[in-house]
Amino acid sequence: MNMQKTEYMKVGGKHEHEDRELYIRKIKRATNYKYLGSVIMEEGNSKTGIQNRAQQGRRATQALNSLLWSNGTKIGTKIRIYEAVVEPILTYGAECWQMTKNDKKVIDMVEMDFLRRACQVSRVEQRMNDERWPKRALKYTPKNRRKKGRPMTSWNDGIRNIMKDRAIKEDEWRNKDKWPSKCGMRQKL
């Protein structure tokens, strides 16, 4: 046994800040380790391992991209390729995972990405059309004759006014670092 490479990990319970001392020498404490392709965390969950597998599944899907968008390959063949190549990569070690709903969504997203490419449907084509109720409600502005008082506005106009009060530009919602800091405060006059 190589004592310089040997590490220990405590799962659950109180975590000590210092390493245990054995009779021979100190053993370093690990927060996670990889065992048979699965990452085991000291918190006792499988989140890192699942994300690792999802990333490998995405890479396998990207490697097959030209085949998936090809018109010469039948959909049945593409499904068999998924079952033979991507699914084993994605689910290796899944028997011992502790999955939450969010973890299941991560796995489902990789599968849906493969199926979307296999059916040759781009993300733009999956957008909601203008006749669907949620999109109609978003763009709705009342058409009735205006009564006394404040003019009727759409939901979008209300959001734009709030953003203006807080000095938020329309494209800043994409910046995850700036957005939380700007949401809570109004513009100082």
N, C-alpha and C. Protein backbone atom coordinates (compact mmCIF):
# COMPACT_ATOMS: atom_id res chain seq x y z
N MET A 1 0.85 -1.17 0.00
CA MET A 1 0.00 0.00 0.00
C MET A 1 0.89 1.24 0.00
N ASN A 2 0.61 2.17 -0.89
CA ASN A 2 1.36 3.41 -0.97
C ASN A 2 0.72 4.43 -0.04
N MET A 3 1.39 4.74 1.06
CA MET A 3 0.81 5.62 2.08
C MET A 3 0.76 7.08 1.61
N GLN A 4 1.55 7.46 0.62
CA GLN A 4 1.50 8.83 0.13
C GLN A 4 0.27 9.06 -0.76
N LYS A 5 -0.19 7.99 -1.40
CA LYS A 5 -1.37 8.10 -2.26
C LYS A 5 -2.66 7.74 -1.52
N THR A 6 -2.55 7.15 -0.35
CA THR A 6 -3.72 6.70 0.39
C THR A 6 -4.47 7.90 0.97
N GLU A 7 -5.77 7.90 0.81
CA GLU A 7 -6.63 8.95 1.34
C GLU A 7 -7.83 8.31 2.01
N TYR A 8 -8.47 9.05 2.89
CA TYR A 8 -9.71 8.56 3.50
C TYR A 8 -10.80 9.59 3.26
N MET A 9 -12.06 9.12 3.34
CA MET A 9 -13.20 10.01 3.18
C MET A 9 -14.27 9.58 4.17
N LYS A 10 -14.85 10.55 4.83
CA LYS A 10 -15.93 10.29 5.77
C LYS A 10 -17.23 10.75 5.14
N VAL A 11 -18.21 9.86 5.04
CA VAL A 11 -19.49 10.18 4.44
C VAL A 11 -20.50 10.45 5.54
N GLY A 12 -21.12 11.65 5.49
CA GLY A 12 -22.14 12.02 6.47
C GLY A 12 -21.53 12.34 7.83
N GLY A 13 -22.36 12.77 8.76
CA GLY A 13 -21.90 13.08 10.11
C GLY A 13 -21.05 14.33 10.16
N LYS A 14 -20.40 14.55 11.32
CA LYS A 14 -19.53 15.72 11.48
C LYS A 14 -18.24 15.51 10.71
N HIS A 15 -17.80 16.58 10.05
CA HIS A 15 -16.55 16.51 9.31
C HIS A 15 -15.47 17.22 10.11
N GLU A 16 -14.44 16.49 10.38
CA GLU A 16 -13.31 17.07 11.10
C GLU A 16 -12.46 17.86 10.12
N HIS A 17 -11.87 18.93 10.61
CA HIS A 17 -11.06 19.78 9.74
C HIS A 17 -9.63 19.28 9.59
N GLU A 18 -9.22 18.38 10.44
CA GLU A 18 -7.85 17.89 10.34
C GLU A 18 -7.84 16.42 9.97
N ASP A 19 -6.76 15.98 9.41
CA ASP A 19 -6.62 14.59 8.98
C ASP A 19 -6.33 13.69 10.18
N ARG A 20 -6.79 12.46 10.07
CA ARG A 20 -6.51 11.48 11.12
C ARG A 20 -5.04 11.08 11.08
N GLU A 21 -4.51 10.78 12.22
CA GLU A 21 -3.12 10.36 12.26
C GLU A 21 -3.08 8.87 12.57
N LEU A 22 -2.41 8.14 11.74
CA LEU A 22 -2.23 6.71 11.98
C LEU A 22 -0.86 6.49 12.60
N TYR A 23 -0.60 5.26 12.93
CA TYR A 23 0.68 4.94 13.56
C TYR A 23 1.86 5.16 12.60
N ILE A 24 1.60 5.02 11.28
CA ILE A 24 2.69 5.10 10.32
C ILE A 24 2.94 6.55 9.92
N ARG A 25 1.98 7.25 9.37
CA ARG A 25 2.07 8.66 9.01
C ARG A 25 0.67 9.23 8.80
N LYS A 26 0.59 10.49 8.52
CA LYS A 26 -0.73 11.11 8.31
C LYS A 26 -1.35 10.64 7.00
N ILE A 27 -2.66 10.48 7.02
CA ILE A 27 -3.39 10.13 5.80
C ILE A 27 -4.25 11.34 5.43
N LYS A 28 -4.14 11.71 4.18
CA LYS A 28 -4.85 12.89 3.68
C LYS A 28 -6.36 12.60 3.55
N ARG A 29 -7.17 13.63 3.82
CA ARG A 29 -8.62 13.48 3.73
C ARG A 29 -9.10 13.91 2.35
N ALA A 30 -9.97 13.14 1.72
CA ALA A 30 -10.52 13.45 0.41
C ALA A 30 -11.98 13.86 0.56
N THR A 31 -12.44 14.76 -0.31
CA THR A 31 -13.85 15.16 -0.30
C THR A 31 -14.67 14.33 -1.29
N ASN A 32 -13.98 13.72 -2.27
CA ASN A 32 -14.65 12.83 -3.22
C ASN A 32 -13.61 11.90 -3.84
N TYR A 33 -14.08 10.81 -4.42
CA TYR A 33 -13.18 9.94 -5.16
C TYR A 33 -13.96 9.18 -6.22
N LYS A 34 -13.23 8.72 -7.20
CA LYS A 34 -13.84 7.99 -8.30
C LYS A 34 -13.62 6.50 -8.07
N TYR A 35 -14.71 5.74 -8.12
CA TYR A 35 -14.64 4.30 -7.91
C TYR A 35 -15.46 3.62 -8.99
N LEU A 36 -14.81 2.84 -9.81
CA LEU A 36 -15.46 2.12 -10.92
C LEU A 36 -16.28 3.07 -11.79
N GLY A 37 -15.75 4.25 -12.08
CA GLY A 37 -16.40 5.19 -12.97
C GLY A 37 -17.42 6.10 -12.31
N SER A 38 -17.74 5.87 -11.04
CA SER A 38 -18.70 6.72 -10.33
C SER A 38 -17.97 7.59 -9.33
N VAL A 39 -18.38 8.86 -9.24
CA VAL A 39 -17.79 9.78 -8.27
C VAL A 39 -18.60 9.70 -6.99
N ILE A 40 -17.92 9.43 -5.88
CA ILE A 40 -18.58 9.34 -4.58
C ILE A 40 -18.19 10.57 -3.78
N MET A 41 -19.20 11.28 -3.26
CA MET A 41 -18.97 12.53 -2.54
C MET A 41 -19.10 12.31 -1.03
N GLU A 42 -18.45 13.17 -0.25
CA GLU A 42 -18.55 13.03 1.20
C GLU A 42 -19.93 13.40 1.73
N GLU A 43 -20.71 14.16 0.94
CA GLU A 43 -22.08 14.49 1.35
C GLU A 43 -22.99 13.28 1.21
N GLY A 44 -22.54 12.27 0.48
CA GLY A 44 -23.31 11.05 0.31
C GLY A 44 -24.24 11.10 -0.88
N ASN A 45 -24.14 12.15 -1.73
CA ASN A 45 -25.01 12.21 -2.91
C ASN A 45 -24.22 11.87 -4.16
N SER A 46 -24.93 11.74 -5.26
CA SER A 46 -24.32 11.34 -6.53
C SER A 46 -24.34 12.46 -7.56
N LYS A 47 -24.58 13.68 -7.13
CA LYS A 47 -24.78 14.80 -8.05
C LYS A 47 -23.61 14.98 -9.02
N THR A 48 -22.39 14.98 -8.50
CA THR A 48 -21.21 15.18 -9.36
C THR A 48 -21.07 14.05 -10.36
N GLY A 49 -21.29 12.82 -9.92
CA GLY A 49 -21.20 11.67 -10.82
C GLY A 49 -22.24 11.72 -11.93
N ILE A 50 -23.44 12.14 -11.60
CA ILE A 50 -24.52 12.24 -12.59
C ILE A 50 -24.19 13.33 -13.60
N GLN A 51 -23.70 14.48 -13.11
CA GLN A 51 -23.33 15.56 -14.02
C GLN A 51 -22.17 15.14 -14.92
N ASN A 52 -21.25 14.37 -14.36
CA ASN A 52 -20.13 13.84 -15.14
C ASN A 52 -20.63 12.95 -16.28
N ARG A 53 -21.53 12.05 -15.94
CA ARG A 53 -22.10 11.13 -16.94
C ARG A 53 -22.90 11.89 -17.99
N ALA A 54 -23.65 12.91 -17.58
CA ALA A 54 -24.43 13.70 -18.52
C ALA A 54 -23.51 14.42 -19.50
N GLN A 55 -22.42 14.94 -18.99
CA GLN A 55 -21.46 15.63 -19.85
C GLN A 55 -20.84 14.66 -20.86
N GLN A 56 -20.52 13.45 -20.42
CA GLN A 56 -19.98 12.44 -21.34
C GLN A 56 -21.02 12.03 -22.38
N GLY A 57 -22.29 11.95 -21.97
CA GLY A 57 -23.38 11.64 -22.91
C GLY A 57 -23.54 12.72 -23.95
N ARG A 58 -23.42 14.00 -23.52
CA ARG A 58 -23.50 15.12 -24.47
C ARG A 58 -22.35 15.07 -25.47
N ARG A 59 -21.15 14.73 -24.97
CA ARG A 59 -19.99 14.64 -25.87
C ARG A 59 -20.19 13.53 -26.90
N ALA A 60 -20.76 12.40 -26.47
CA ALA A 60 -21.02 11.29 -27.39
C ALA A 60 -22.06 11.70 -28.43
N THR A 61 -23.08 12.43 -28.00
CA THR A 61 -24.10 12.93 -28.93
C THR A 61 -23.49 13.89 -29.94
N GLN A 62 -22.63 14.77 -29.48
CA GLN A 62 -21.98 15.72 -30.39
C GLN A 62 -21.07 15.00 -31.38
N ALA A 63 -20.43 13.94 -30.94
CA ALA A 63 -19.57 13.18 -31.84
C ALA A 63 -20.39 12.50 -32.94
N LEU A 64 -21.64 12.16 -32.63
CA LEU A 64 -22.53 11.51 -33.60
C LEU A 64 -23.37 12.52 -34.39
N ASN A 65 -23.12 13.79 -34.21
CA ASN A 65 -23.96 14.85 -34.77
C ASN A 65 -24.17 14.72 -36.28
N SER A 66 -23.09 14.50 -37.04
CA SER A 66 -23.23 14.42 -38.50
C SER A 66 -24.10 13.23 -38.91
N LEU A 67 -24.00 12.14 -38.17
CA LEU A 67 -24.83 10.96 -38.45
C LEU A 67 -26.30 11.24 -38.11
N LEU A 68 -26.53 11.96 -37.01
CA LEU A 68 -27.90 12.23 -36.57
C LEU A 68 -28.64 13.18 -37.51
N TRP A 69 -27.94 14.14 -38.09
CA TRP A 69 -28.57 15.08 -39.00
C TRP A 69 -28.62 14.55 -40.43
N SER A 70 -28.09 13.37 -40.66
CA SER A 70 -28.06 12.80 -42.00
C SER A 70 -29.44 12.28 -42.41
N ASN A 71 -29.81 12.55 -43.65
CA ASN A 71 -31.09 12.04 -44.18
C ASN A 71 -30.98 10.58 -44.59
N GLY A 72 -29.77 10.08 -44.76
CA GLY A 72 -29.56 8.71 -45.22
C GLY A 72 -29.73 7.65 -44.14
N THR A 73 -29.78 8.07 -42.88
CA THR A 73 -29.91 7.12 -41.77
C THR A 73 -31.34 7.12 -41.26
N LYS A 74 -31.94 5.93 -41.16
CA LYS A 74 -33.32 5.82 -40.68
C LYS A 74 -33.39 6.10 -39.19
N ILE A 75 -34.56 6.54 -38.74
CA ILE A 75 -34.77 6.88 -37.33
C ILE A 75 -34.58 5.65 -36.44
N GLY A 76 -35.00 4.49 -36.91
CA GLY A 76 -34.82 3.25 -36.13
C GLY A 76 -33.35 2.94 -35.89
N THR A 77 -32.54 3.18 -36.89
CA THR A 77 -31.10 2.96 -36.77
C THR A 77 -30.51 3.94 -35.76
N LYS A 78 -30.97 5.18 -35.80
CA LYS A 78 -30.48 6.19 -34.87
C LYS A 78 -30.84 5.82 -33.43
N ILE A 79 -32.03 5.28 -33.23
CA ILE A 79 -32.46 4.85 -31.90
C ILE A 79 -31.58 3.69 -31.41
N ARG A 80 -31.28 2.75 -32.30
CA ARG A 80 -30.41 1.63 -31.93
C ARG A 80 -29.00 2.13 -31.58
N ILE A 81 -28.53 3.15 -32.30
CA ILE A 81 -27.23 3.75 -31.97
C ILE A 81 -27.28 4.38 -30.58
N TYR A 82 -28.39 5.04 -30.27
CA TYR A 82 -28.54 5.63 -28.93
C TYR A 82 -28.47 4.54 -27.86
N GLU A 83 -29.22 3.46 -28.08
CA GLU A 83 -29.26 2.38 -27.10
C GLU A 83 -27.92 1.66 -26.96
N ALA A 84 -27.14 1.63 -28.03
CA ALA A 84 -25.87 0.90 -28.00
C ALA A 84 -24.69 1.77 -27.58
N VAL A 85 -24.75 3.08 -27.86
CA VAL A 85 -23.59 3.94 -27.61
C VAL A 85 -23.84 4.94 -26.49
N VAL A 86 -24.84 5.81 -26.66
CA VAL A 86 -25.02 6.93 -25.74
C VAL A 86 -25.62 6.48 -24.41
N GLU A 87 -26.64 5.66 -24.43
CA GLU A 87 -27.30 5.24 -23.19
C GLU A 87 -26.36 4.53 -22.22
N PRO A 88 -25.50 3.59 -22.67
CA PRO A 88 -24.56 2.99 -21.72
C PRO A 88 -23.57 4.00 -21.12
N ILE A 89 -23.13 4.95 -21.93
CA ILE A 89 -22.22 5.99 -21.41
C ILE A 89 -22.95 6.83 -20.37
N LEU A 90 -24.19 7.16 -20.66
CA LEU A 90 -24.99 8.03 -19.79
C LEU A 90 -25.36 7.37 -18.47
N THR A 91 -25.63 6.08 -18.49
CA THR A 91 -26.17 5.42 -17.30
C THR A 91 -25.19 4.47 -16.61
N TYR A 92 -23.91 4.51 -16.99
CA TYR A 92 -22.94 3.62 -16.35
C TYR A 92 -22.85 3.93 -14.86
N GLY A 93 -23.06 2.95 -14.04
CA GLY A 93 -23.01 3.12 -12.59
C GLY A 93 -24.30 3.66 -11.99
N ALA A 94 -25.37 3.74 -12.78
CA ALA A 94 -26.63 4.33 -12.31
C ALA A 94 -27.30 3.50 -11.22
N GLU A 95 -26.91 2.24 -11.08
CA GLU A 95 -27.54 1.38 -10.08
C GLU A 95 -27.33 1.91 -8.66
N CYS A 96 -26.23 2.61 -8.45
CA CYS A 96 -25.93 3.08 -7.09
C CYS A 96 -26.11 4.59 -6.94
N TRP A 97 -26.73 5.26 -7.91
CA TRP A 97 -26.97 6.69 -7.80
C TRP A 97 -28.13 6.98 -6.87
N GLN A 98 -28.02 8.07 -6.15
CA GLN A 98 -29.15 8.59 -5.38
C GLN A 98 -29.69 9.76 -6.19
N MET A 99 -30.74 9.51 -6.96
CA MET A 99 -31.23 10.52 -7.90
C MET A 99 -32.34 11.37 -7.30
N THR A 100 -32.24 12.67 -7.53
CA THR A 100 -33.31 13.59 -7.19
C THR A 100 -34.07 13.92 -8.49
N LYS A 101 -35.12 14.70 -8.38
CA LYS A 101 -35.88 15.09 -9.58
C LYS A 101 -34.99 15.89 -10.53
N ASN A 102 -34.17 16.77 -9.97
CA ASN A 102 -33.28 17.58 -10.81
C ASN A 102 -32.24 16.72 -11.52
N ASP A 103 -31.74 15.70 -10.84
CA ASP A 103 -30.77 14.79 -11.48
C ASP A 103 -31.43 14.04 -12.63
N LYS A 104 -32.67 13.63 -12.43
CA LYS A 104 -33.39 12.93 -13.50
C LYS A 104 -33.60 13.86 -14.70
N LYS A 105 -33.87 15.14 -14.42
CA LYS A 105 -34.04 16.11 -15.51
C LYS A 105 -32.76 16.25 -16.32
N VAL A 106 -31.61 16.21 -15.65
CA VAL A 106 -30.32 16.33 -16.35
C VAL A 106 -30.15 15.17 -17.32
N ILE A 107 -30.46 13.96 -16.87
CA ILE A 107 -30.35 12.78 -17.73
C ILE A 107 -31.36 12.86 -18.87
N ASP A 108 -32.59 13.28 -18.56
CA ASP A 108 -33.63 13.40 -19.58
C ASP A 108 -33.27 14.44 -20.64
N MET A 109 -32.59 15.52 -20.23
CA MET A 109 -32.20 16.56 -21.18
C MET A 109 -31.21 16.02 -22.21
N VAL A 110 -30.28 15.17 -21.76
CA VAL A 110 -29.31 14.59 -22.70
C VAL A 110 -30.04 13.67 -23.69
N GLU A 111 -30.97 12.88 -23.17
CA GLU A 111 -31.74 11.98 -24.03
C GLU A 111 -32.58 12.77 -25.04
N MET A 112 -33.23 13.84 -24.58
CA MET A 112 -34.05 14.65 -25.48
C MET A 112 -33.20 15.36 -26.52
N ASP A 113 -31.99 15.77 -26.15
CA ASP A 113 -31.09 16.40 -27.11
C ASP A 113 -30.74 15.42 -28.23
N PHE A 114 -30.45 14.18 -27.86
CA PHE A 114 -30.16 13.15 -28.87
C PHE A 114 -31.37 12.93 -29.77
N LEU A 115 -32.55 12.77 -29.17
CA LEU A 115 -33.76 12.50 -29.95
C LEU A 115 -34.12 13.67 -30.86
N ARG A 116 -33.92 14.89 -30.36
CA ARG A 116 -34.20 16.08 -31.18
C ARG A 116 -33.30 16.09 -32.41
N ARG A 117 -32.02 15.79 -32.21
CA ARG A 117 -31.09 15.76 -33.34
C ARG A 117 -31.42 14.59 -34.28
N ALA A 118 -31.81 13.45 -33.71
CA ALA A 118 -32.14 12.28 -34.53
C ALA A 118 -33.36 12.56 -35.41
N CYS A 119 -34.30 13.33 -34.90
CA CYS A 119 -35.50 13.69 -35.67
C CYS A 119 -35.27 14.93 -36.52
N GLN A 120 -34.07 15.48 -36.47
CA GLN A 120 -33.67 16.65 -37.25
C GLN A 120 -34.55 17.87 -36.96
N VAL A 121 -34.77 18.11 -35.67
CA VAL A 121 -35.55 19.27 -35.24
C VAL A 121 -34.59 20.21 -34.51
N SER A 122 -34.46 21.43 -35.02
CA SER A 122 -33.58 22.39 -34.36
C SER A 122 -34.30 23.02 -33.18
N ARG A 123 -33.54 23.66 -32.32
CA ARG A 123 -34.15 24.31 -31.15
C ARG A 123 -35.07 25.44 -31.56
N VAL A 124 -34.75 26.12 -32.65
CA VAL A 124 -35.59 27.23 -33.12
C VAL A 124 -36.97 26.70 -33.53
N GLU A 125 -37.00 25.52 -34.13
CA GLU A 125 -38.28 24.94 -34.56
C GLU A 125 -39.13 24.51 -33.37
N GLN A 126 -38.53 24.39 -32.19
CA GLN A 126 -39.30 23.99 -31.00
C GLN A 126 -39.93 25.18 -30.31
N ARG A 127 -39.71 26.38 -30.79
CA ARG A 127 -40.28 27.57 -30.18
C ARG A 127 -41.80 27.55 -30.27
N MET A 128 -42.43 28.19 -29.30
CA MET A 128 -43.88 28.25 -29.24
C MET A 128 -44.40 29.17 -30.36
N ASN A 129 -45.46 28.74 -31.06
CA ASN A 129 -46.00 29.60 -32.11
C ASN A 129 -46.88 30.69 -31.49
N ASP A 130 -47.19 31.71 -32.30
CA ASP A 130 -47.88 32.89 -31.79
C ASP A 130 -49.34 32.64 -31.41
N GLU A 131 -49.93 31.54 -31.83
CA GLU A 131 -51.33 31.26 -31.53
C GLU A 131 -51.53 30.60 -30.16
N ARG A 132 -50.46 30.12 -29.52
CA ARG A 132 -50.59 29.47 -28.21
C ARG A 132 -50.94 30.50 -27.14
N TRP A 133 -51.75 30.09 -26.15
CA TRP A 133 -52.26 31.00 -25.13
C TRP A 133 -51.17 31.70 -24.32
N PRO A 134 -50.11 31.02 -23.89
CA PRO A 134 -49.11 31.75 -23.11
C PRO A 134 -48.48 32.91 -23.89
N LYS A 135 -48.23 32.71 -25.17
CA LYS A 135 -47.62 33.78 -25.98
C LYS A 135 -48.64 34.89 -26.25
N ARG A 136 -49.90 34.51 -26.45
CA ARG A 136 -50.94 35.52 -26.66
C ARG A 136 -51.12 36.37 -25.41
N ALA A 137 -51.07 35.73 -24.23
CA ALA A 137 -51.22 36.47 -22.97
C ALA A 137 -50.05 37.42 -22.74
N LEU A 138 -48.86 36.99 -23.15
CA LEU A 138 -47.67 37.83 -22.99
C LEU A 138 -47.76 39.09 -23.83
N LYS A 139 -48.33 38.98 -25.03
CA LYS A 139 -48.40 40.12 -25.94
C LYS A 139 -49.72 40.87 -25.86
N TYR A 140 -50.64 40.45 -25.00
CA TYR A 140 -51.98 41.02 -24.94
C TYR A 140 -51.99 42.45 -24.40
N THR A 141 -52.68 43.32 -25.08
CA THR A 141 -52.96 44.68 -24.61
C THR A 141 -54.46 44.88 -24.73
N PRO A 142 -55.13 45.32 -23.64
CA PRO A 142 -56.58 45.48 -23.69
C PRO A 142 -56.99 46.45 -24.80
N LYS A 143 -58.09 46.15 -25.50
CA LYS A 143 -58.55 46.95 -26.64
C LYS A 143 -59.75 47.85 -26.28
N ASN A 144 -60.28 47.72 -25.07
CA ASN A 144 -61.46 48.50 -24.67
C ASN A 144 -61.13 49.99 -24.64
N ARG A 145 -62.20 50.77 -24.68
CA ARG A 145 -62.04 52.22 -24.59
C ARG A 145 -61.49 52.56 -23.21
N ARG A 146 -60.54 53.47 -23.20
CA ARG A 146 -59.87 53.81 -21.96
C ARG A 146 -60.75 54.66 -21.05
N LYS A 147 -60.78 54.27 -19.78
CA LYS A 147 -61.51 55.04 -18.78
C LYS A 147 -60.58 56.08 -18.19
N LYS A 148 -61.10 56.87 -17.28
CA LYS A 148 -60.27 57.86 -16.60
C LYS A 148 -59.18 57.13 -15.81
N GLY A 149 -58.05 57.80 -15.69
CA GLY A 149 -56.97 57.22 -14.90
C GLY A 149 -55.80 56.77 -15.76
N ARG A 150 -55.02 55.91 -15.19
CA ARG A 150 -53.81 55.45 -15.84
C ARG A 150 -54.16 54.64 -17.09
N PRO A 151 -53.41 54.80 -18.19
CA PRO A 151 -53.70 54.02 -19.39
C PRO A 151 -53.41 52.54 -19.18
N MET A 152 -54.18 51.71 -19.90
CA MET A 152 -53.97 50.27 -19.80
C MET A 152 -52.65 49.90 -20.47
N THR A 153 -51.93 49.01 -19.83
CA THR A 153 -50.65 48.58 -20.38
C THR A 153 -50.59 47.06 -20.43
N SER A 154 -49.70 46.56 -21.25
CA SER A 154 -49.51 45.11 -21.32
C SER A 154 -48.57 44.66 -20.20
N TRP A 155 -48.47 43.38 -20.01
CA TRP A 155 -47.57 42.82 -19.01
C TRP A 155 -46.13 43.19 -19.35
N ASN A 156 -45.78 43.12 -20.64
CA ASN A 156 -44.42 43.48 -21.08
C ASN A 156 -44.10 44.94 -20.74
N ASP A 157 -45.08 45.85 -20.93
CA ASP A 157 -44.84 47.25 -20.61
C ASP A 157 -44.57 47.43 -19.12
N GLY A 158 -45.29 46.68 -18.29
CA GLY A 158 -45.06 46.74 -16.85
C GLY A 158 -43.65 46.28 -16.48
N ILE A 159 -43.21 45.18 -17.10
CA ILE A 159 -41.86 44.66 -16.84
C ILE A 159 -40.82 45.68 -17.30
N ARG A 160 -41.03 46.27 -18.47
CA ARG A 160 -40.08 47.28 -18.98
C ARG A 160 -40.00 48.49 -18.05
N ASN A 161 -41.14 48.91 -17.49
CA ASN A 161 -41.14 50.04 -16.55
C ASN A 161 -40.36 49.70 -15.28
N ILE A 162 -40.54 48.48 -14.78
CA ILE A 162 -39.81 48.04 -13.58
C ILE A 162 -38.31 48.01 -13.87
N MET A 163 -37.95 47.50 -15.06
CA MET A 163 -36.53 47.46 -15.44
C MET A 163 -35.96 48.87 -15.57
N LYS A 164 -36.77 49.79 -16.08
CA LYS A 164 -36.33 51.18 -16.22
C LYS A 164 -36.10 51.80 -14.84
N ASP A 165 -37.00 51.50 -13.88
CA ASP A 165 -36.85 52.01 -12.51
C ASP A 165 -35.54 51.53 -11.88
N ARG A 166 -35.14 50.34 -12.23
CA ARG A 166 -33.94 49.74 -11.64
C ARG A 166 -32.70 49.89 -12.53
N ALA A 167 -32.80 50.66 -13.60
CA ALA A 167 -31.70 50.92 -14.54
C ALA A 167 -31.13 49.63 -15.11
N ILE A 168 -32.04 48.72 -15.48
CA ILE A 168 -31.62 47.44 -16.08
C ILE A 168 -31.87 47.51 -17.57
N LYS A 169 -30.85 47.25 -18.36
CA LYS A 169 -30.99 47.24 -19.81
C LYS A 169 -31.61 45.91 -20.21
N GLU A 170 -32.27 45.88 -21.38
CA GLU A 170 -33.01 44.69 -21.81
C GLU A 170 -32.15 43.44 -21.96
N ASP A 171 -30.88 43.60 -22.35
CA ASP A 171 -30.05 42.42 -22.56
C ASP A 171 -29.31 41.98 -21.31
N GLU A 172 -29.44 42.72 -20.19
CA GLU A 172 -28.71 42.36 -18.96
C GLU A 172 -29.29 41.17 -18.23
N TRP A 173 -30.48 40.75 -18.54
CA TRP A 173 -31.06 39.58 -17.87
C TRP A 173 -30.25 38.33 -18.17
N ARG A 174 -29.46 38.35 -19.25
CA ARG A 174 -28.64 37.18 -19.60
C ARG A 174 -27.38 37.07 -18.75
N ASN A 175 -26.96 38.17 -18.13
CA ASN A 175 -25.74 38.18 -17.32
C ASN A 175 -26.09 37.76 -15.89
N LYS A 176 -25.75 36.53 -15.53
CA LYS A 176 -26.15 35.99 -14.23
C LYS A 176 -25.42 36.63 -13.06
N ASP A 177 -24.32 37.34 -13.33
CA ASP A 177 -23.61 38.01 -12.25
C ASP A 177 -24.23 39.37 -11.92
N LYS A 178 -24.63 40.12 -12.95
CA LYS A 178 -25.21 41.44 -12.74
C LYS A 178 -26.67 41.38 -12.32
N TRP A 179 -27.41 40.44 -12.87
CA TRP A 179 -28.87 40.41 -12.70
C TRP A 179 -29.31 40.41 -11.24
N PRO A 180 -28.81 39.51 -10.37
CA PRO A 180 -29.31 39.52 -8.99
C PRO A 180 -29.03 40.83 -8.26
N SER A 181 -27.91 41.46 -8.55
CA SER A 181 -27.59 42.71 -7.85
C SER A 181 -28.49 43.85 -8.31
N LYS A 182 -28.97 43.82 -9.54
CA LYS A 182 -29.80 44.92 -10.04
C LYS A 182 -31.28 44.71 -9.76
N CYS A 183 -31.72 43.48 -9.54
CA CYS A 183 -33.15 43.21 -9.37
C CYS A 183 -33.73 43.85 -8.11
N GLY A 184 -32.98 43.85 -7.04
CA GLY A 184 -33.52 44.28 -5.76
C GLY A 184 -33.53 45.77 -5.53
N MET A 185 -32.77 46.56 -6.28
CA MET A 185 -32.67 47.98 -5.97
C MET A 185 -33.24 48.86 -7.07
N ARG A 186 -33.86 49.93 -6.65
CA ARG A 186 -34.37 50.93 -7.58
C ARG A 186 -33.27 51.91 -7.92
N GLN A 187 -33.42 52.56 -9.05
CA GLN A 187 -32.45 53.56 -9.47
C GLN A 187 -32.50 54.75 -8.53
N LYS A 188 -31.32 55.21 -8.11
CA LYS A 188 -31.26 56.37 -7.21
C LYS A 188 -31.40 57.64 -8.02
N LEU A 189 -32.33 58.46 -7.65
CA LEU A 189 -32.57 59.72 -8.38
C LEU A 189 -31.71 60.84 -7.86
